Amino acid sequence: GEVRCSMAERLPFRLEKTFEDYYRVVTARELDREEVSEYNVTVRAADGGSPALWSSAVLALRVLDVNDN
């Protein structure tokens, strides 16, 4: 069946469909560790059934600063 993935829109990340039912999380804008150093991103996957089956996963992402030295 068809799988749809989603996540909160207010985060600086977006989902990109790679092929068929595979997705990847990519940055939607530049990140600044001094503003926010960690993100918990919840990705939800749901099928097209009735009732829909769904599952979610939390990705813990840490932002590193490349120019600390």
PDB file of N, CA and C in Angstrom:
ATOM      1  N   GLY A   1       0.798  -1.181   0.000  1.00  0.00           N
ATOM      2  CA  GLY A   1       0.000   0.000   0.000  1.00  0.00           C
ATOM      3  C   GLY A   1       0.853   1.262   0.000  1.00  0.00           C
ATOM      4  N   GLU A   2       0.177   2.358  -0.032  1.00  0.00           N
ATOM      5  CA  GLU A   2       0.834   3.660  -0.064  1.00  0.00           C
ATOM      6  C   GLU A   2       1.168   4.116   1.351  1.00  0.00           C
ATOM      7  N   VAL A   3       2.365   4.661   1.527  1.00  0.00           N
ATOM      8  CA  VAL A   3       2.804   5.178   2.822  1.00  0.00           C
ATOM      9  C   VAL A   3       3.082   6.663   2.673  1.00  0.00           C
ATOM     10  N   ARG A   4       2.575   7.452   3.624  1.00  0.00           N
ATOM     11  CA  ARG A   4       2.823   8.891   3.650  1.00  0.00           C
ATOM     12  C   ARG A   4       3.574   9.217   4.930  1.00  0.00           C
ATOM     13  N   CYS A   5       4.608  10.029   4.802  1.00  0.00           N
ATOM     14  CA  CYS A   5       5.380  10.460   5.964  1.00  0.00           C
ATOM     15  C   CYS A   5       5.166  11.946   6.177  1.00  0.00           C
ATOM     16  N   SER A   6       5.202  12.347   7.448  1.00  0.00           N
ATOM     17  CA  SER A   6       5.030  13.767   7.765  1.00  0.00           C
ATOM     18  C   SER A   6       5.808  14.086   9.034  1.00  0.00           C
ATOM     19  N   MET A   7       6.029  15.382   9.234  1.00  0.00           N
ATOM     20  CA  MET A   7       6.647  15.869  10.466  1.00  0.00           C
ATOM     21  C   MET A   7       6.198  17.298  10.689  1.00  0.00           C
ATOM     22  N   ALA A   8       6.473  17.831  11.872  1.00  0.00           N
ATOM     23  CA  ALA A   8       6.041  19.183  12.216  1.00  0.00           C
ATOM     24  C   ALA A   8       6.632  20.194  11.245  1.00  0.00           C
ATOM     25  N   GLU A   9       5.832  21.155  10.835  1.00  0.00           N
ATOM     26  CA  GLU A   9       6.270  22.146   9.846  1.00  0.00           C
ATOM     27  C   GLU A   9       7.145  23.237  10.442  1.00  0.00           C
ATOM     28  N   ARG A  10       7.133  23.423  11.726  1.00  0.00           N
ATOM     29  CA  ARG A  10       7.866  24.541  12.328  1.00  0.00           C
ATOM     30  C   ARG A  10       9.351  24.251  12.513  1.00  0.00           C
ATOM     31  N   LEU A  11       9.791  23.071  12.164  1.00  0.00           N
ATOM     32  CA  LEU A  11      11.201  22.712  12.301  1.00  0.00           C
ATOM     33  C   LEU A  11      11.985  23.082  11.048  1.00  0.00           C
ATOM     34  N   PRO A  12      13.302  23.281  11.180  1.00  0.00           N
ATOM     35  CA  PRO A  12      14.114  23.637  10.009  1.00  0.00           C
ATOM     36  C   PRO A  12      14.537  22.416   9.179  1.00  0.00           C
ATOM     37  N   PHE A  13      13.667  21.419   9.126  1.00  0.00           N
ATOM     38  CA  PHE A  13      13.927  20.202   8.355  1.00  0.00           C
ATOM     39  C   PHE A  13      12.722  19.921   7.485  1.00  0.00           C
ATOM     40  N   ARG A  14      12.956  19.127   6.458  1.00  0.00           N
ATOM     41  CA  ARG A  14      11.841  18.691   5.606  1.00  0.00           C
ATOM     42  C   ARG A  14      12.084  17.253   5.189  1.00  0.00           C
ATOM     43  N   LEU A  15      11.020  16.605   4.796  1.00  0.00           N
ATOM     44  CA  LEU A  15      11.114  15.244   4.297  1.00  0.00           C
ATOM     45  C   LEU A  15      11.251  15.280   2.790  1.00  0.00           C
ATOM     46  N   GLU A  16      12.131  14.464   2.273  1.00  0.00           N
ATOM     47  CA  GLU A  16      12.342  14.375   0.835  1.00  0.00           C
ATOM     48  C   GLU A  16      12.127  12.922   0.433  1.00  0.00           C
ATOM     49  N   LYS A  17      11.207  12.704  -0.487  1.00  0.00           N
ATOM     50  CA  LYS A  17      10.934  11.345  -0.951  1.00  0.00           C
ATOM     51  C   LYS A  17      12.024  10.954  -1.949  1.00  0.00           C
ATOM     52  N   THR A  18      12.719   9.848  -1.677  1.00  0.00           N
ATOM     53  CA  THR A  18      13.815   9.435  -2.548  1.00  0.00           C
ATOM     54  C   THR A  18      13.311   8.546  -3.664  1.00  0.00           C
ATOM     55  N   PHE A  19      12.552   7.516  -3.345  1.00  0.00           N
ATOM     56  CA  PHE A  19      11.870   6.681  -4.327  1.00  0.00           C
ATOM     57  C   PHE A  19      10.870   5.805  -3.596  1.00  0.00           C
ATOM     58  N   GLU A  20       9.813   5.448  -4.284  1.00  0.00           N
ATOM     59  CA  GLU A  20       8.724   4.644  -3.739  1.00  0.00           C
ATOM     60  C   GLU A  20       8.377   5.081  -2.322  1.00  0.00           C
ATOM     61  N   ASP A  21       8.585   4.229  -1.321  1.00  0.00           N
ATOM     62  CA  ASP A  21       8.202   4.553   0.049  1.00  0.00           C
ATOM     63  C   ASP A  21       9.395   4.882   0.935  1.00  0.00           C
ATOM     64  N   TYR A  22      10.454   5.413   0.361  1.00  0.00           N
ATOM     65  CA  TYR A  22      11.641   5.790   1.127  1.00  0.00           C
ATOM     66  C   TYR A  22      11.743   7.311   1.204  1.00  0.00           C
ATOM     67  N   TYR A  23      12.039   7.789   2.398  1.00  0.00           N
ATOM     68  CA  TYR A  23      12.163   9.223   2.636  1.00  0.00           C
ATOM     69  C   TYR A  23      13.479   9.489   3.344  1.00  0.00           C
ATOM     70  N   ARG A  24      13.940  10.732   3.267  1.00  0.00           N
ATOM     71  CA  ARG A  24      15.075  11.157   4.066  1.00  0.00           C
ATOM     72  C   ARG A  24      14.779  12.534   4.633  1.00  0.00           C
ATOM     73  N   VAL A  25      15.374  12.810   5.788  1.00  0.00           N
ATOM     74  CA  VAL A  25      15.222  14.108   6.450  1.00  0.00           C
ATOM     75  C   VAL A  25      16.398  14.969   6.025  1.00  0.00           C
ATOM     76  N   VAL A  26      16.106  16.150   5.499  1.00  0.00           N
ATOM     77  CA  VAL A  26      17.144  17.083   5.064  1.00  0.00           C
ATOM     78  C   VAL A  26      16.887  18.442   5.713  1.00  0.00           C
ATOM     79  N   THR A  27      17.924  19.245   5.796  1.00  0.00           N
ATOM     80  CA  THR A  27      17.763  20.582   6.358  1.00  0.00           C
ATOM     81  C   THR A  27      17.045  21.481   5.353  1.00  0.00           C
ATOM     82  N   ALA A  28      16.149  22.296   5.860  1.00  0.00           N
ATOM     83  CA  ALA A  28      15.392  23.217   5.016  1.00  0.00           C
ATOM     84  C   ALA A  28      16.033  24.606   5.000  1.00  0.00           C
ATOM     85  N   ARG A  29      16.901  24.862   5.969  1.00  0.00           N
ATOM     86  CA  ARG A  29      17.609  26.139   6.032  1.00  0.00           C
ATOM     87  C   ARG A  29      18.883  25.928   6.845  1.00  0.00           C
ATOM     88  N   GLU A  30      19.726  26.924   6.863  1.00  0.00           N
ATOM     89  CA  GLU A  30      20.973  26.837   7.615  1.00  0.00           C
ATOM     90  C   GLU A  30      20.672  26.769   9.110  1.00  0.00           C
ATOM     91  N   LEU A  31      21.443  25.951   9.823  1.00  0.00           N
ATOM     92  CA  LEU A  31      21.258  25.798  11.266  1.00  0.00           C
ATOM     93  C   LEU A  31      22.352  26.549  12.004  1.00  0.00           C
ATOM     94  N   ASP A  32      21.998  27.102  13.160  1.00  0.00           N
ATOM     95  CA  ASP A  32      22.962  27.811  14.001  1.00  0.00           C
ATOM     96  C   ASP A  32      22.955  27.165  15.381  1.00  0.00           C
ATOM     97  N   ARG A  33      24.059  26.520  15.748  1.00  0.00           N
ATOM     98  CA  ARG A  33      24.148  25.824  17.023  1.00  0.00           C
ATOM     99  C   ARG A  33      23.962  26.771  18.199  1.00  0.00           C
ATOM    100  N   GLU A  34      24.335  28.033  18.039  1.00  0.00           N
ATOM    101  CA  GLU A  34      24.197  28.988  19.133  1.00  0.00           C
ATOM    102  C   GLU A  34      22.735  29.355  19.384  1.00  0.00           C
ATOM    103  N   GLU A  35      21.874  29.173  18.409  1.00  0.00           N
ATOM    104  CA  GLU A  35      20.432  29.390  18.592  1.00  0.00           C
ATOM    105  C   GLU A  35      19.780  28.146  19.186  1.00  0.00           C
ATOM    106  N   VAL A  36      19.973  27.005  18.516  1.00  0.00           N
ATOM    107  CA  VAL A  36      19.416  25.725  18.959  1.00  0.00           C
ATOM    108  C   VAL A  36      20.476  24.661  18.706  1.00  0.00           C
ATOM    109  N   SER A  37      20.868  23.954  19.766  1.00  0.00           N
ATOM    110  CA  SER A  37      21.942  22.967  19.609  1.00  0.00           C
ATOM    111  C   SER A  37      21.433  21.545  19.423  1.00  0.00           C
ATOM    112  N   GLU A  38      20.167  21.280  19.762  1.00  0.00           N
ATOM    113  CA  GLU A  38      19.606  19.941  19.617  1.00  0.00           C
ATOM    114  C   GLU A  38      18.154  20.028  19.166  1.00  0.00           C
ATOM    115  N   TYR A  39      17.761  19.063  18.355  1.00  0.00           N
ATOM    116  CA  TYR A  39      16.383  18.954  17.891  1.00  0.00           C
ATOM    117  C   TYR A  39      15.899  17.532  18.133  1.00  0.00           C
ATOM    118  N   ASN A  40      14.652  17.400  18.523  1.00  0.00           N
ATOM    119  CA  ASN A  40      13.972  16.117  18.550  1.00  0.00           C
ATOM    120  C   ASN A  40      12.921  16.169  17.451  1.00  0.00           C
ATOM    121  N   VAL A  41      13.149  15.426  16.397  1.00  0.00           N
ATOM    122  CA  VAL A  41      12.286  15.459  15.218  1.00  0.00           C
ATOM    123  C   VAL A  41      11.439  14.202  15.205  1.00  0.00           C
ATOM    124  N   THR A  42      10.135  14.353  15.236  1.00  0.00           N
ATOM    125  CA  THR A  42       9.228  13.211  15.171  1.00  0.00           C
ATOM    126  C   THR A  42       8.739  13.050  13.743  1.00  0.00           C
ATOM    127  N   VAL A  43       8.999  11.875  13.182  1.00  0.00           N
ATOM    128  CA  VAL A  43       8.537  11.546  11.836  1.00  0.00           C
ATOM    129  C   VAL A  43       7.419  10.527  11.977  1.00  0.00           C
ATOM    130  N   ARG A  44       6.299  10.796  11.308  1.00  0.00           N
ATOM    131  CA  ARG A  44       5.143   9.913  11.385  1.00  0.00           C
ATOM    132  C   ARG A  44       4.880   9.317  10.015  1.00  0.00           C
ATOM    133  N   ALA A  45       4.681   8.004   9.977  1.00  0.00           N
ATOM    134  CA  ALA A  45       4.358   7.300   8.735  1.00  0.00           C
ATOM    135  C   ALA A  45       2.965   6.695   8.877  1.00  0.00           C
ATOM    136  N   ALA A  46       2.143   6.877   7.851  1.00  0.00           N
ATOM    137  CA  ALA A  46       0.781   6.334   7.863  1.00  0.00           C
ATOM    138  C   ALA A  46       0.487   5.710   6.511  1.00  0.00           C
ATOM    139  N   ASP A  47      -0.288   4.633   6.526  1.00  0.00           N
ATOM    140  CA  ASP A  47      -0.657   4.006   5.261  1.00  0.00           C
ATOM    141  C   ASP A  47      -1.994   4.573   4.784  1.00  0.00           C
ATOM    142  N   GLY A  48      -2.433   4.117   3.634  1.00  0.00           N
ATOM    143  CA  GLY A  48      -3.667   4.638   3.056  1.00  0.00           C
ATOM    144  C   GLY A  48      -4.883   3.806   3.386  1.00  0.00           C
ATOM    145  N   GLY A  49      -4.787   2.928   4.360  1.00  0.00           N
ATOM    146  CA  GLY A  49      -5.903   2.050   4.703  1.00  0.00           C
ATOM    147  C   GLY A  49      -6.993   2.753   5.477  1.00  0.00           C
ATOM    148  N   SER A  50      -8.069   2.017   5.701  1.00  0.00           N
ATOM    149  CA  SER A  50      -9.182   2.545   6.480  1.00  0.00           C
ATOM    150  C   SER A  50      -9.589   1.473   7.484  1.00  0.00           C
ATOM    151  N   PRO A  51      -9.282   1.647   8.744  1.00  0.00           N
ATOM    152  CA  PRO A  51      -8.585   2.786   9.341  1.00  0.00           C
ATOM    153  C   PRO A  51      -7.093   2.750   9.018  1.00  0.00           C
ATOM    154  N   ALA A  52      -6.507   3.911   9.011  1.00  0.00           N
ATOM    155  CA  ALA A  52      -5.084   4.018   8.678  1.00  0.00           C
ATOM    156  C   ALA A  52      -4.231   3.466   9.819  1.00  0.00           C
ATOM    157  N   LEU A  53      -3.197   2.727   9.442  1.00  0.00           N
ATOM    158  CA  LEU A  53      -2.202   2.283  10.415  1.00  0.00           C
ATOM    159  C   LEU A  53      -1.062   3.283  10.383  1.00  0.00           C
ATOM    160  N   TRP A  54      -0.480   3.566  11.542  1.00  0.00           N
ATOM    161  CA  TRP A  54       0.590   4.556  11.568  1.00  0.00           C
ATOM    162  C   TRP A  54       1.617   4.183  12.629  1.00  0.00           C
ATOM    163  N   SER A  55       2.779   4.765  12.488  1.00  0.00           N
ATOM    164  CA  SER A  55       3.862   4.602  13.440  1.00  0.00           C
ATOM    165  C   SER A  55       4.678   5.884  13.419  1.00  0.00           C
ATOM    166  N   SER A  56       5.407   6.122  14.495  1.00  0.00           N
ATOM    167  CA  SER A  56       6.248   7.313  14.539  1.00  0.00           C
ATOM    168  C   SER A  56       7.602   6.964  15.133  1.00  0.00           C
ATOM    169  N   ALA A  57       8.584   7.796  14.809  1.00  0.00           N
ATOM    170  CA  ALA A  57       9.938   7.638  15.331  1.00  0.00           C
ATOM    171  C   ALA A  57      10.470   9.021  15.660  1.00  0.00           C
ATOM    172  N   VAL A  58      11.248   9.099  16.725  1.00  0.00           N
ATOM    173  CA  VAL A  58      11.861  10.369  17.137  1.00  0.00           C
ATOM    174  C   VAL A  58      13.341  10.318  16.793  1.00  0.00           C
ATOM    175  N   LEU A  59      13.790  11.319  16.045  1.00  0.00           N
ATOM    176  CA  LEU A  59      15.197  11.447  15.694  1.00  0.00           C
ATOM    177  C   LEU A  59      15.803  12.529  16.587  1.00  0.00           C
ATOM    178  N   ALA A  60      16.846  12.174  17.322  1.00  0.00           N
ATOM    179  CA  ALA A  60      17.554  13.148  18.160  1.00  0.00           C
ATOM    180  C   ALA A  60      18.737  13.659  17.347  1.00  0.00           C
ATOM    181  N   LEU A  61      18.695  14.932  16.968  1.00  0.00           N
ATOM    182  CA  LEU A  61      19.727  15.523  16.126  1.00  0.00           C
ATOM    183  C   LEU A  61      20.492  16.581  16.914  1.00  0.00           C
ATOM    184  N   ARG A  62      21.803  16.490  16.894  1.00  0.00           N
ATOM    185  CA  ARG A  62      22.663  17.452  17.577  1.00  0.00           C
ATOM    186  C   ARG A  62      23.398  18.277  16.531  1.00  0.00           C
ATOM    187  N   VAL A  63      23.383  19.587  16.695  1.00  0.00           N
ATOM    188  CA  VAL A  63      24.028  20.504  15.759  1.00  0.00           C
ATOM    189  C   VAL A  63      25.417  20.818  16.295  1.00  0.00           C
ATOM    190  N   LEU A  64      26.422  20.636  15.467  1.00  0.00           N
ATOM    191  CA  LEU A  64      27.801  20.942  15.841  1.00  0.00           C
ATOM    192  C   LEU A  64      28.230  22.249  15.197  1.00  0.00           C
ATOM    193  N   ASP A  65      29.123  22.941  15.840  1.00  0.00           N
ATOM    194  CA  ASP A  65      29.629  24.214  15.322  1.00  0.00           C
ATOM    195  C   ASP A  65      30.964  23.973  14.641  1.00  0.00           C
ATOM    196  N   VAL A  66      31.055  24.301  13.355  1.00  0.00           N
ATOM    197  CA  VAL A  66      32.269  24.018  12.594  1.00  0.00           C
ATOM    198  C   VAL A  66      33.379  25.025  12.859  1.00  0.00           C
ATOM    199  N   ASN A  67      33.060  26.196  13.408  1.00  0.00           N
ATOM    200  CA  ASN A  67      34.097  27.207  13.610  1.00  0.00           C
ATOM    201  C   ASN A  67      34.339  27.531  15.089  1.00  0.00           C
ATOM    202  N   ASP A  68      34.242  26.547  15.967  1.00  0.00           N
ATOM    203  CA  ASP A  68      34.485  26.777  17.398  1.00  0.00           C
ATOM    204  C   ASP A  68      35.941  27.081  17.711  1.00  0.00           C
ATOM    205  N   ASN A  69      36.833  26.610  16.897  1.00  0.00           N
ATOM    206  CA  ASN A  69      38.264  26.820  17.196  1.00  0.00           C
ATOM    207  C   ASN A  69      38.709  28.090  16.547  1.00  0.00           C
TER     208      ASN A  69
END
